N, C-alpha and C. Protein backbone atom coordinates (compact mmCIF):
# COMPACT_ATOMS: atom_id res chain seq x y z
N MET A 1 -3.56 80.89 23.73
CA MET A 1 -3.87 80.76 25.13
C MET A 1 -4.43 82.09 25.61
N ASP A 2 -5.59 82.03 26.22
CA ASP A 2 -6.18 83.29 26.67
C ASP A 2 -5.49 83.78 27.95
N THR A 3 -5.72 85.04 28.27
CA THR A 3 -5.01 85.69 29.37
C THR A 3 -5.26 85.01 30.70
N ALA A 4 -6.49 84.64 30.98
CA ALA A 4 -6.81 84.00 32.27
C ALA A 4 -6.10 82.66 32.41
N ALA A 5 -6.08 81.87 31.34
CA ALA A 5 -5.40 80.57 31.38
C ALA A 5 -3.90 80.75 31.57
N TYR A 6 -3.31 81.74 30.87
CA TYR A 6 -1.89 82.01 31.01
C TYR A 6 -1.56 82.42 32.44
N GLU A 7 -2.30 83.34 32.99
CA GLU A 7 -2.05 83.82 34.35
C GLU A 7 -2.18 82.69 35.37
N ASN A 8 -3.17 81.82 35.19
CA ASN A 8 -3.36 80.68 36.08
C ASN A 8 -2.17 79.71 35.98
N LEU A 9 -1.71 79.45 34.76
CA LEU A 9 -0.56 78.56 34.55
C LEU A 9 0.68 79.13 35.22
N ILE A 10 0.93 80.41 35.06
CA ILE A 10 2.11 81.04 35.66
C ILE A 10 2.00 81.03 37.18
N ARG A 11 0.81 81.26 37.71
CA ARG A 11 0.61 81.21 39.15
C ARG A 11 0.96 79.81 39.68
N GLN A 12 0.46 78.79 39.01
CA GLN A 12 0.76 77.41 39.40
C GLN A 12 2.25 77.10 39.27
N LEU A 13 2.87 77.57 38.20
CA LEU A 13 4.29 77.34 37.97
C LEU A 13 5.13 77.98 39.08
N CYS A 14 4.82 79.21 39.41
CA CYS A 14 5.57 79.90 40.47
C CYS A 14 5.38 79.20 41.82
N GLU A 15 4.18 78.73 42.09
CA GLU A 15 3.94 77.97 43.32
C GLU A 15 4.74 76.68 43.33
N ALA A 16 4.80 75.99 42.19
CA ALA A 16 5.56 74.74 42.09
C ALA A 16 7.05 74.98 42.29
N HIS A 17 7.53 76.16 41.93
CA HIS A 17 8.94 76.52 42.10
C HIS A 17 9.21 77.12 43.47
N GLY A 18 8.17 77.24 44.30
CA GLY A 18 8.35 77.78 45.64
C GLY A 18 8.53 79.29 45.67
N SER A 19 8.08 79.96 44.61
CA SER A 19 8.22 81.42 44.57
C SER A 19 6.90 82.08 44.13
N PRO A 20 5.84 81.89 44.92
CA PRO A 20 4.54 82.47 44.52
C PRO A 20 4.56 83.99 44.44
N ASP A 21 5.47 84.63 45.18
CA ASP A 21 5.55 86.10 45.15
C ASP A 21 6.04 86.62 43.80
N ALA A 22 6.65 85.75 42.99
CA ALA A 22 7.18 86.16 41.68
C ALA A 22 6.11 86.18 40.60
N THR A 23 4.92 85.70 40.89
CA THR A 23 3.88 85.51 39.88
C THR A 23 3.61 86.77 39.05
N ASN A 24 3.34 87.89 39.70
CA ASN A 24 2.99 89.11 38.95
C ASN A 24 4.12 89.57 38.06
N GLY A 25 5.36 89.47 38.54
CA GLY A 25 6.51 89.85 37.72
C GLY A 25 6.67 88.96 36.50
N VAL A 26 6.47 87.66 36.70
CA VAL A 26 6.59 86.72 35.58
C VAL A 26 5.48 86.97 34.56
N ILE A 27 4.28 87.21 35.03
CA ILE A 27 3.17 87.50 34.12
C ILE A 27 3.48 88.76 33.32
N ALA A 28 4.01 89.77 33.98
CA ALA A 28 4.27 91.05 33.31
C ALA A 28 5.39 90.95 32.28
N CYS A 29 6.48 90.26 32.62
CA CYS A 29 7.63 90.24 31.69
C CYS A 29 7.71 88.96 30.86
N LYS A 30 6.89 87.97 31.21
CA LYS A 30 6.84 86.70 30.48
C LYS A 30 8.17 85.95 30.50
N HIS A 31 8.94 86.15 31.56
CA HIS A 31 10.22 85.46 31.73
C HIS A 31 10.38 85.03 33.18
N LEU A 32 11.14 83.95 33.35
CA LEU A 32 11.39 83.38 34.66
C LEU A 32 12.77 82.74 34.63
N GLU A 33 13.49 82.79 35.73
CA GLU A 33 14.76 82.09 35.80
C GLU A 33 14.54 80.72 36.42
N VAL A 34 15.03 79.69 35.71
CA VAL A 34 14.92 78.31 36.18
C VAL A 34 16.28 77.66 36.03
N GLU A 35 16.81 77.12 37.12
CA GLU A 35 18.11 76.45 37.09
C GLU A 35 19.19 77.35 36.48
N GLY A 36 19.13 78.64 36.76
CA GLY A 36 20.12 79.57 36.26
C GLY A 36 19.95 79.95 34.79
N ARG A 37 18.87 79.53 34.19
CA ARG A 37 18.59 79.84 32.78
C ARG A 37 17.38 80.77 32.68
N LEU A 38 17.48 81.75 31.79
CA LEU A 38 16.35 82.62 31.53
C LEU A 38 15.38 81.88 30.61
N VAL A 39 14.13 81.80 31.05
CA VAL A 39 13.11 81.06 30.30
C VAL A 39 12.01 82.03 29.91
N GLY A 40 11.76 82.15 28.61
CA GLY A 40 10.65 82.95 28.11
C GLY A 40 9.42 82.09 27.98
N LEU A 41 8.31 82.58 28.48
CA LEU A 41 7.03 81.86 28.47
C LEU A 41 6.03 82.73 27.72
N ILE A 42 5.89 82.50 26.44
CA ILE A 42 5.12 83.39 25.57
C ILE A 42 3.84 82.68 25.12
N PRO A 43 2.68 83.20 25.55
CA PRO A 43 1.43 82.56 25.10
C PRO A 43 1.21 82.80 23.61
N ARG A 44 0.80 81.75 22.91
CA ARG A 44 0.49 81.89 21.48
C ARG A 44 -0.93 82.41 21.34
N ASP A 45 -1.13 83.17 20.28
CA ASP A 45 -2.47 83.74 20.05
C ASP A 45 -3.51 82.65 19.82
N ASP A 46 -3.15 81.60 19.08
CA ASP A 46 -4.11 80.55 18.80
C ASP A 46 -4.35 79.68 20.03
N SER A 47 -3.35 78.96 20.46
CA SER A 47 -3.43 78.18 21.69
C SER A 47 -2.03 77.68 22.02
N GLY A 48 -1.83 77.40 23.27
CA GLY A 48 -0.55 76.86 23.67
C GLY A 48 0.45 77.91 24.10
N LEU A 49 1.67 77.44 24.30
CA LEU A 49 2.72 78.25 24.88
C LEU A 49 4.03 78.01 24.14
N ASP A 50 4.70 79.09 23.78
CA ASP A 50 6.06 79.00 23.24
C ASP A 50 7.02 79.21 24.39
N VAL A 51 7.99 78.32 24.51
CA VAL A 51 8.99 78.39 25.57
C VAL A 51 10.36 78.55 24.93
N PHE A 52 11.10 79.56 25.38
CA PHE A 52 12.46 79.81 24.93
C PHE A 52 13.38 79.71 26.13
N ILE A 53 14.38 78.85 26.06
CA ILE A 53 15.35 78.69 27.13
C ILE A 53 16.70 79.18 26.63
N GLU A 54 17.23 80.24 27.24
CA GLU A 54 18.54 80.74 26.82
C GLU A 54 19.62 79.80 27.34
N LEU A 55 20.54 79.43 26.42
CA LEU A 55 21.57 78.47 26.79
C LEU A 55 22.99 79.01 26.74
N GLN A 56 23.30 79.77 25.71
CA GLN A 56 24.71 80.13 25.53
C GLN A 56 24.85 81.38 24.68
N GLN A 57 25.75 82.26 25.08
CA GLN A 57 26.12 83.42 24.26
C GLN A 57 26.89 82.94 23.04
N THR A 58 26.68 83.58 21.91
CA THR A 58 27.48 83.28 20.73
C THR A 58 28.15 84.55 20.23
N TYR A 59 29.13 84.36 19.38
CA TYR A 59 29.89 85.46 18.81
C TYR A 59 29.93 85.25 17.30
N PRO A 60 29.11 86.00 16.55
CA PRO A 60 28.96 85.76 15.11
C PRO A 60 30.27 85.74 14.33
N ASP A 61 31.25 86.53 14.76
CA ASP A 61 32.49 86.58 13.99
C ASP A 61 33.35 85.32 14.17
N ARG A 62 33.02 84.49 15.15
CA ARG A 62 33.82 83.27 15.34
C ARG A 62 33.02 81.99 15.52
N ASP A 63 31.70 82.06 15.54
CA ASP A 63 30.89 80.88 15.84
C ASP A 63 30.14 80.30 14.64
N HIS A 64 30.60 80.57 13.43
CA HIS A 64 29.91 80.02 12.26
C HIS A 64 29.81 78.51 12.32
N SER A 65 30.86 77.83 12.75
CA SER A 65 30.82 76.37 12.81
C SER A 65 29.81 75.90 13.86
N LEU A 66 29.67 76.66 14.96
CA LEU A 66 28.69 76.29 15.97
C LEU A 66 27.28 76.37 15.40
N TYR A 67 27.01 77.41 14.62
CA TYR A 67 25.68 77.55 14.02
C TYR A 67 25.36 76.35 13.14
N GLU A 68 26.31 75.91 12.36
CA GLU A 68 26.11 74.73 11.51
C GLU A 68 25.88 73.50 12.37
N LYS A 69 26.66 73.34 13.42
CA LYS A 69 26.51 72.18 14.31
C LYS A 69 25.13 72.16 14.96
N ILE A 70 24.64 73.34 15.35
CA ILE A 70 23.32 73.41 15.97
C ILE A 70 22.24 72.97 14.98
N LEU A 71 22.35 73.45 13.75
CA LEU A 71 21.36 73.04 12.74
C LEU A 71 21.38 71.54 12.52
N ARG A 72 22.57 70.98 12.40
CA ARG A 72 22.68 69.52 12.23
C ARG A 72 22.21 68.79 13.48
N GLY A 73 22.51 69.37 14.64
CA GLY A 73 22.11 68.75 15.89
C GLY A 73 20.61 68.67 16.08
N ASN A 74 19.88 69.60 15.48
CA ASN A 74 18.42 69.55 15.57
C ASN A 74 17.87 68.26 14.95
N ILE A 75 18.56 67.73 13.96
CA ILE A 75 18.11 66.52 13.28
C ILE A 75 18.42 65.27 14.11
N SER A 76 19.55 65.29 14.81
CA SER A 76 20.00 64.07 15.49
C SER A 76 20.06 64.23 17.01
N ALA A 77 19.30 65.15 17.56
CA ALA A 77 19.43 65.47 18.99
C ALA A 77 18.96 64.36 19.91
N GLY A 78 18.09 63.51 19.49
CA GLY A 78 17.63 62.42 20.35
C GLY A 78 16.20 62.59 20.80
N SER A 79 15.66 61.50 21.27
CA SER A 79 14.23 61.47 21.63
C SER A 79 13.92 62.15 22.96
N ASP A 80 14.94 62.46 23.76
CA ASP A 80 14.66 63.11 25.04
C ASP A 80 14.39 64.61 24.90
N LEU A 81 14.61 65.16 23.72
CA LEU A 81 14.35 66.58 23.48
C LEU A 81 13.02 66.77 22.77
N MET A 82 12.22 67.68 23.28
CA MET A 82 10.91 67.97 22.70
C MET A 82 10.94 69.16 21.75
N GLY A 83 12.04 69.91 21.75
CA GLY A 83 12.10 71.13 20.98
C GLY A 83 13.28 71.13 20.03
N PHE A 84 13.75 72.34 19.73
CA PHE A 84 14.87 72.48 18.80
C PHE A 84 15.71 73.68 19.20
N PHE A 85 16.94 73.71 18.69
CA PHE A 85 17.88 74.79 18.97
C PHE A 85 17.79 75.86 17.88
N GLY A 86 18.09 77.07 18.25
CA GLY A 86 18.14 78.17 17.31
C GLY A 86 18.83 79.36 17.95
N LEU A 87 18.78 80.49 17.27
CA LEU A 87 19.30 81.74 17.82
C LEU A 87 18.12 82.60 18.23
N HIS A 88 18.24 83.24 19.37
CA HIS A 88 17.16 84.10 19.85
C HIS A 88 16.89 85.17 18.78
N PRO A 89 15.62 85.41 18.48
CA PRO A 89 15.30 86.37 17.42
C PRO A 89 15.74 87.80 17.70
N GLU A 90 15.98 88.14 18.96
CA GLU A 90 16.38 89.51 19.30
C GLU A 90 17.80 89.57 19.84
N GLY A 91 18.57 88.54 19.65
CA GLY A 91 19.92 88.53 20.19
C GLY A 91 20.77 87.48 19.51
N ILE A 92 21.90 87.21 20.11
CA ILE A 92 22.80 86.23 19.51
C ILE A 92 23.10 85.11 20.50
N ARG A 93 22.09 84.73 21.26
CA ARG A 93 22.22 83.63 22.21
C ARG A 93 21.58 82.39 21.61
N VAL A 94 22.21 81.24 21.90
CA VAL A 94 21.60 79.97 21.53
C VAL A 94 20.41 79.76 22.47
N VAL A 95 19.27 79.43 21.89
CA VAL A 95 18.08 79.12 22.67
C VAL A 95 17.57 77.74 22.28
N TYR A 96 16.85 77.18 23.21
CA TYR A 96 16.14 75.92 22.97
C TYR A 96 14.66 76.29 23.02
N ARG A 97 13.92 75.93 21.98
CA ARG A 97 12.52 76.34 21.89
C ARG A 97 11.60 75.14 21.87
N MET A 98 10.52 75.25 22.61
CA MET A 98 9.48 74.23 22.62
C MET A 98 8.13 74.91 22.38
N ARG A 99 7.26 74.21 21.70
CA ARG A 99 5.86 74.63 21.58
C ARG A 99 5.03 73.64 22.37
N LEU A 100 4.34 74.16 23.37
CA LEU A 100 3.61 73.29 24.27
C LEU A 100 2.11 73.52 24.17
N PRO A 101 1.33 72.48 24.42
CA PRO A 101 -0.13 72.65 24.42
C PRO A 101 -0.56 73.46 25.64
N ASP A 102 -1.78 73.94 25.62
CA ASP A 102 -2.23 74.78 26.73
C ASP A 102 -2.95 73.98 27.82
N ASP A 103 -2.82 72.65 27.79
CA ASP A 103 -3.50 71.85 28.81
C ASP A 103 -2.56 71.35 29.91
N LEU A 104 -1.37 71.93 30.01
CA LEU A 104 -0.44 71.56 31.06
C LEU A 104 -0.78 72.30 32.36
N SER A 105 -0.55 71.64 33.47
CA SER A 105 -0.66 72.33 34.76
C SER A 105 0.68 72.99 35.06
N GLY A 106 0.70 73.87 36.03
CA GLY A 106 1.94 74.52 36.44
C GLY A 106 2.97 73.51 36.94
N GLU A 107 2.51 72.49 37.68
CA GLU A 107 3.42 71.46 38.17
C GLU A 107 4.00 70.66 37.01
N GLU A 108 3.18 70.32 36.02
CA GLU A 108 3.68 69.60 34.85
C GLU A 108 4.69 70.44 34.07
N LEU A 109 4.38 71.72 33.92
CA LEU A 109 5.30 72.62 33.22
C LEU A 109 6.61 72.75 33.98
N SER A 110 6.54 72.83 35.29
CA SER A 110 7.74 72.93 36.11
C SER A 110 8.64 71.71 35.90
N ALA A 111 8.07 70.53 36.00
CA ALA A 111 8.84 69.30 35.81
C ALA A 111 9.40 69.21 34.40
N LEU A 112 8.59 69.59 33.42
CA LEU A 112 9.04 69.57 32.03
C LEU A 112 10.20 70.52 31.82
N LEU A 113 10.11 71.73 32.36
CA LEU A 113 11.20 72.70 32.21
C LEU A 113 12.49 72.17 32.82
N LEU A 114 12.42 71.62 34.02
CA LEU A 114 13.62 71.10 34.67
C LEU A 114 14.27 70.00 33.83
N GLY A 115 13.48 69.07 33.34
CA GLY A 115 14.01 67.98 32.52
C GLY A 115 14.55 68.45 31.19
N GLN A 116 13.84 69.35 30.53
CA GLN A 116 14.28 69.82 29.21
C GLN A 116 15.48 70.75 29.30
N ILE A 117 15.59 71.54 30.36
CA ILE A 117 16.77 72.38 30.54
C ILE A 117 18.01 71.49 30.65
N GLN A 118 17.91 70.45 31.46
CA GLN A 118 19.05 69.54 31.62
C GLN A 118 19.37 68.83 30.31
N ALA A 119 18.36 68.30 29.64
CA ALA A 119 18.58 67.57 28.39
C ALA A 119 19.13 68.48 27.30
N ALA A 120 18.58 69.69 27.17
CA ALA A 120 19.04 70.61 26.13
C ALA A 120 20.47 71.09 26.41
N SER A 121 20.78 71.35 27.68
CA SER A 121 22.13 71.78 28.03
C SER A 121 23.15 70.69 27.71
N GLN A 122 22.82 69.45 28.04
CA GLN A 122 23.71 68.34 27.74
C GLN A 122 23.86 68.15 26.23
N ALA A 123 22.75 68.23 25.51
CA ALA A 123 22.79 68.07 24.07
C ALA A 123 23.63 69.16 23.42
N LEU A 124 23.49 70.41 23.88
CA LEU A 124 24.27 71.50 23.32
C LEU A 124 25.76 71.30 23.59
N GLN A 125 26.11 70.81 24.77
CA GLN A 125 27.51 70.51 25.06
C GLN A 125 28.05 69.47 24.09
N THR A 126 27.27 68.43 23.85
CA THR A 126 27.68 67.37 22.91
C THR A 126 27.82 67.92 21.51
N ILE A 127 26.85 68.71 21.08
CA ILE A 127 26.88 69.30 19.74
C ILE A 127 28.08 70.22 19.60
N SER A 128 28.34 71.05 20.59
CA SER A 128 29.43 72.00 20.53
C SER A 128 30.79 71.30 20.47
N ALA A 129 30.89 70.16 21.13
CA ALA A 129 32.17 69.44 21.20
C ALA A 129 32.44 68.60 19.94
N SER A 130 31.43 68.39 19.14
CA SER A 130 31.60 67.51 17.96
C SER A 130 32.37 68.19 16.84
C-alpha cells in the first residue's frame, strides 16, 4: 500500500470513529485504540494492510497450555473470524492478526475492526476456557 493510500485510509478511519484530530498521530505511530484494544495498522510493501489487535497479556512461565490452545484454536475458530491468533512479535501479548486488501474504505475498515475485535475477543475467551 503506498503512502498516499495509507494516509487516506487512516484519515477516513479516524473520521468514521469520530476522531479526525487523531489522524496525524495514527499515521505517525501506525496504532489506534478501538474498543479499548490497541490496533496496529501496518501497510504492507506489496499491497494491503496488516492489522494486529492486542488481546491479552501472557506469562511465558505459566501460559504454555494457553499457547497450545491458541494454536489449536486457529484451526477451529469459526467462520466469523477473518484472521488468526498469535503472539506479538515484539512482546508476549496474544494478538489477532488479519491481512486485508487495500481496497477498503475507512468506514468499511472501521466496521470490520469493531466486528472482528468482538469476535476475536469472544473466541479467545472460549479457547482459554477449554
